[in-house]
Amino acid sequence: MQTVAWVAGLCVAAGYLLGSIPFAFLVSRRRLRRDLRSDLRSLLAGAATGSRRDDVVVNVLDVAKVLLAATLAWHLVRDASPGFDRRVLPEFSAVGFLADQVLTSWQSTALWTGTAAVVGHLAPPWLGFRSGAGQAPALALGFVYCPVGFASGVAAFFVLLAGMRRPAVAVLAGLAGFVGATWLAWIYDAPTSWGVTNGPELALWATVLAGILAARTVTAERAGT
């Protein structure tokens, strides 16, 4: 168990560092150097076409780094867990299942490592602990590990957006739908299609993740960004 705890702790710390890689900053610097070497016509053309492509690349890289951190944590902790034997049952360990709603040690570590990576994305030490909005990496985590909450959150977001036309309010409503769905899934023991088992830790994880994003959304709204 000490080995599992050490590996899990290192995974969370490494997840934060991986998530803190400022791809948007690095891509913007590369874009600036490219534009400075071009004439005014090339600069205007790049602003009209190239920036959107770069933004897509940044979003993909941000999602990839968070999912990579969570996936690596899952496998590292699973393989370090005593009693794990992939030849018997790929997702079983002596310390894995304590009840039908309790996550395995590697599932738990993956969730919190992914969350640490999102925090690293939002608050990288290299940029004064200020960076991007974080929605894309967090949405990717929700889609992979908590599909019921993800679908409910997205539905709530679009309903509020269509009715009020206020993106910040719609985001908060989507986060509330995400959290509410995970708690209801725990209460009624909803079956899991993919992702991890609905239960107490998943509901707690969803609450923490939504709280982080809600704080960032409110802060950005007040700052007018």
Protein backbone atom coordinates (compact mmCIF):
# COMPACT_ATOMS: atom_id res chain seq x y z
CA MET A 1 0.00 0.00 0.00
CA GLN A 2 2.91 2.37 0.64
CA THR A 3 4.07 1.83 -2.93
CA VAL A 4 0.60 2.64 -4.25
CA ALA A 5 0.44 5.80 -2.14
CA TRP A 6 3.86 6.98 -3.34
CA VAL A 7 3.06 6.29 -6.98
CA ALA A 8 -0.33 7.98 -6.70
CA GLY A 9 1.16 11.07 -5.05
CA LEU A 10 3.88 11.36 -7.67
CA CYS A 11 1.29 10.95 -10.43
CA VAL A 12 -0.79 13.83 -9.09
CA ALA A 13 2.29 16.07 -8.81
CA ALA A 14 3.44 15.10 -12.29
CA GLY A 15 -0.08 15.66 -13.60
CA TYR A 16 0.02 19.24 -12.38
CA LEU A 17 3.37 19.83 -14.06
CA LEU A 18 2.23 18.24 -17.30
CA GLY A 19 -0.97 20.27 -17.28
CA SER A 20 1.01 23.45 -16.67
CA ILE A 21 2.76 23.26 -20.04
CA PRO A 22 1.53 26.54 -21.62
CA PHE A 23 0.83 25.44 -25.17
CA ALA A 24 -1.20 28.58 -25.91
CA PHE A 25 1.72 30.78 -24.82
CA LEU A 26 4.25 28.75 -26.79
CA VAL A 27 2.10 28.74 -29.93
CA SER A 28 1.44 32.48 -29.65
CA ARG A 29 5.18 33.15 -29.41
CA ARG A 30 5.80 31.00 -32.46
CA ARG A 31 3.02 32.84 -34.31
CA LEU A 32 4.50 36.20 -33.31
CA ARG A 33 7.95 35.25 -34.58
CA ARG A 34 6.42 34.00 -37.82
CA ASP A 35 4.41 37.18 -38.30
CA LEU A 36 7.34 39.43 -37.53
CA ARG A 37 9.24 37.84 -40.38
CA SER A 38 6.41 38.46 -42.81
CA ASP A 39 5.25 41.65 -44.50
CA LEU A 40 2.00 43.40 -43.67
CA ARG A 41 -0.01 41.40 -46.19
CA SER A 42 1.19 38.11 -44.76
CA LEU A 43 0.48 39.36 -41.26
CA LEU A 44 -3.13 40.20 -42.13
CA ALA A 45 -3.61 36.88 -43.90
CA GLY A 46 -2.23 35.03 -40.90
CA ALA A 47 -4.61 36.87 -38.58
CA ALA A 48 -7.54 35.87 -40.79
CA THR A 49 -6.68 32.22 -41.33
CA GLY A 50 -3.72 30.93 -39.37
CA SER A 51 -4.86 31.97 -35.89
CA ARG A 52 -7.94 29.76 -35.96
CA ARG A 53 -5.84 26.78 -36.96
CA ASP A 54 -3.40 27.51 -34.13
CA ASP A 55 -6.26 27.79 -31.64
CA VAL A 56 -7.50 24.34 -32.65
CA VAL A 57 -4.00 22.93 -32.22
CA VAL A 58 -3.73 24.50 -28.75
CA ASN A 59 -7.08 23.04 -27.66
CA VAL A 60 -6.10 19.59 -28.90
CA LEU A 61 -2.76 19.76 -27.08
CA ASP A 62 -4.42 20.97 -23.86
CA VAL A 63 -6.91 18.09 -23.96
CA ALA A 64 -4.16 15.60 -24.80
CA LYS A 65 -1.91 16.60 -21.90
CA VAL A 66 -4.72 16.23 -19.31
CA LEU A 67 -5.92 12.88 -20.66
CA LEU A 68 -2.32 11.67 -20.95
CA ALA A 69 -1.66 12.53 -17.28
CA ALA A 70 -4.82 10.73 -16.12
CA THR A 71 -4.22 7.67 -18.32
CA LEU A 72 -0.61 7.25 -17.23
CA ALA A 73 -1.66 7.56 -13.58
CA TRP A 74 -4.35 4.90 -14.10
CA HIS A 75 -1.89 2.34 -15.47
CA LEU A 76 1.00 3.14 -13.12
CA VAL A 77 -1.08 2.83 -9.94
CA ARG A 78 -2.95 -0.23 -11.22
CA ASP A 79 0.30 -2.06 -11.97
CA ALA A 80 1.74 -1.06 -8.58
CA SER A 81 -1.33 -2.30 -6.66
CA PRO A 82 -0.75 -5.52 -4.69
CA GLY A 83 -2.68 -8.48 -5.99
CA PHE A 84 -3.16 -7.08 -9.48
CA ASP A 85 -2.83 -9.76 -12.13
CA ARG A 86 -3.87 -8.90 -15.68
CA ARG A 87 -3.96 -12.61 -16.55
CA VAL A 88 -6.83 -13.20 -14.12
CA LEU A 89 -8.98 -10.11 -14.56
CA PRO A 90 -7.63 -6.94 -16.18
CA GLU A 91 -9.41 -4.51 -13.84
CA PHE A 92 -9.16 -6.34 -10.49
CA SER A 93 -6.81 -5.89 -7.56
CA ALA A 94 -6.77 -6.99 -3.94
CA VAL A 95 -7.06 -3.31 -2.97
CA GLY A 96 -9.21 -2.40 -5.93
CA PHE A 97 -12.83 -3.12 -5.06
CA LEU A 98 -14.18 -2.57 -1.56
CA ALA A 99 -17.82 -2.19 -2.61
CA ASP A 100 -19.85 -1.91 -5.77
CA GLN A 101 -19.69 1.91 -5.70
CA VAL A 102 -16.04 2.33 -4.69
CA LEU A 103 -13.40 3.06 -7.30
CA THR A 104 -10.21 1.12 -7.73
CA SER A 105 -7.00 2.80 -6.61
CA TRP A 106 -5.93 3.44 -10.21
CA GLN A 107 -9.31 4.87 -11.20
CA SER A 108 -9.20 7.22 -8.24
CA THR A 109 -5.65 8.31 -9.02
CA ALA A 110 -6.55 8.91 -12.66
CA LEU A 111 -9.43 11.21 -11.68
CA TRP A 112 -7.37 13.30 -9.30
CA THR A 113 -4.33 13.37 -11.55
CA GLY A 114 -6.51 14.65 -14.35
CA THR A 115 -7.90 17.29 -12.01
CA ALA A 116 -4.37 18.31 -11.02
CA ALA A 117 -3.53 18.64 -14.71
CA VAL A 118 -6.55 20.93 -15.20
CA VAL A 119 -5.36 23.03 -12.25
CA GLY A 120 -1.90 23.13 -13.80
CA HIS A 121 -3.47 24.33 -17.05
CA LEU A 122 -5.39 27.06 -15.21
CA ALA A 123 -2.54 28.10 -12.94
CA PRO A 124 0.88 27.30 -14.46
CA PRO A 125 3.76 28.53 -12.28
CA TRP A 126 5.67 29.62 -15.40
CA LEU A 127 3.05 32.28 -16.21
CA GLY A 128 2.33 33.67 -12.76
CA PHE A 129 -0.36 31.04 -12.07
CA ARG A 130 -2.64 32.53 -14.74
CA SER A 131 -3.51 30.91 -18.05
CA GLY A 132 -6.40 29.56 -20.14
CA ALA A 133 -10.04 28.98 -19.29
CA GLY A 134 -9.66 25.22 -18.89
CA GLN A 135 -13.04 24.15 -20.24
CA ALA A 136 -11.72 21.93 -23.05
CA PRO A 137 -9.46 19.73 -20.85
CA ALA A 138 -12.14 19.50 -18.15
CA LEU A 139 -14.80 18.57 -20.72
CA ALA A 140 -12.52 15.84 -22.01
CA LEU A 141 -12.13 14.43 -18.49
CA GLY A 142 -15.88 14.47 -17.97
CA PHE A 143 -16.56 12.77 -21.30
CA VAL A 144 -14.02 9.99 -20.68
CA TYR A 145 -14.65 9.28 -16.99
CA CYS A 146 -18.18 10.54 -16.26
CA PRO A 147 -20.40 10.38 -19.37
CA VAL A 148 -23.71 10.75 -17.49
CA GLY A 149 -22.59 13.95 -15.82
CA PHE A 150 -21.01 15.18 -19.05
CA ALA A 151 -24.21 14.74 -21.07
CA SER A 152 -26.33 16.41 -18.38
CA GLY A 153 -23.93 19.33 -18.08
CA VAL A 154 -23.81 19.92 -21.83
CA ALA A 155 -27.61 19.80 -22.05
CA ALA A 156 -28.00 22.30 -19.21
CA PHE A 157 -25.42 24.59 -20.81
CA PHE A 158 -27.20 24.77 -24.17
CA VAL A 159 -30.65 25.18 -22.61
CA LEU A 160 -29.50 28.18 -20.55
CA LEU A 161 -27.48 29.61 -23.42
CA ALA A 162 -30.48 29.49 -25.75
CA GLY A 163 -32.75 31.05 -23.14
CA MET A 164 -30.53 33.78 -21.68
CA ARG A 165 -27.70 34.33 -24.18
CA ARG A 166 -25.25 34.72 -21.31
CA PRO A 167 -22.31 32.32 -21.71
CA ALA A 168 -21.03 32.68 -18.14
CA VAL A 169 -24.44 31.84 -16.65
CA ALA A 170 -24.79 28.93 -19.08
CA VAL A 171 -21.39 27.59 -18.00
CA LEU A 172 -22.39 27.73 -14.33
CA ALA A 173 -25.67 25.99 -15.13
CA GLY A 174 -23.80 23.31 -17.05
CA LEU A 175 -21.49 22.74 -14.10
CA ALA A 176 -24.49 22.48 -11.77
CA GLY A 177 -26.06 19.92 -14.11
CA PHE A 178 -22.81 17.98 -14.22
CA VAL A 179 -22.56 17.81 -10.42
CA GLY A 180 -26.25 17.10 -9.90
CA ALA A 181 -26.23 14.22 -12.36
CA THR A 182 -23.27 12.53 -10.68
CA TRP A 183 -24.89 12.76 -7.26
CA LEU A 184 -28.20 11.40 -8.58
CA ALA A 185 -26.31 8.60 -10.33
CA TRP A 186 -24.76 7.72 -6.98
CA ILE A 187 -28.07 7.90 -5.08
CA TYR A 188 -29.91 5.68 -7.57
CA ASP A 189 -26.89 3.48 -8.36
CA ALA A 190 -27.13 4.20 -12.08
CA PRO A 191 -25.33 1.74 -14.35
CA THR A 192 -22.12 2.93 -15.99
CA SER A 193 -21.87 2.78 -19.77
CA TRP A 194 -18.19 3.70 -19.83
CA GLY A 195 -15.91 5.65 -17.57
CA VAL A 196 -15.74 4.83 -13.87
CA THR A 197 -18.36 3.53 -11.46
CA ASN A 198 -20.97 5.97 -10.21
CA GLY A 199 -20.57 6.47 -6.49
CA PRO A 200 -19.34 8.70 -3.68
CA GLU A 201 -15.87 9.47 -4.98
CA LEU A 202 -17.04 10.28 -8.49
CA ALA A 203 -19.65 12.67 -7.06
CA LEU A 204 -17.01 14.31 -4.86
CA TRP A 205 -14.61 14.56 -7.80
CA ALA A 206 -17.27 16.17 -9.99
CA THR A 207 -18.02 18.69 -7.24
CA VAL A 208 -14.37 19.66 -6.84
CA LEU A 209 -13.76 19.93 -10.58
CA ALA A 210 -16.92 21.97 -11.11
CA GLY A 211 -15.98 24.24 -8.21
CA ILE A 212 -12.59 24.96 -9.76
CA LEU A 213 -14.14 25.80 -13.12
CA ALA A 214 -16.92 27.87 -11.54
CA ALA A 215 -14.38 29.97 -9.66
CA ARG A 216 -12.41 30.52 -12.87
CA THR A 217 -15.58 31.43 -14.79
CA VAL A 218 -16.72 33.96 -12.18
CA THR A 219 -13.24 35.49 -12.00
CA ALA A 220 -13.04 35.80 -15.79
CA GLU A 221 -16.53 37.32 -15.97
CA ARG A 222 -15.68 39.96 -13.40
CA ALA A 223 -12.45 40.77 -15.20
CA GLY A 224 -14.33 41.07 -18.49
CA THR A 225 -12.25 38.36 -20.23
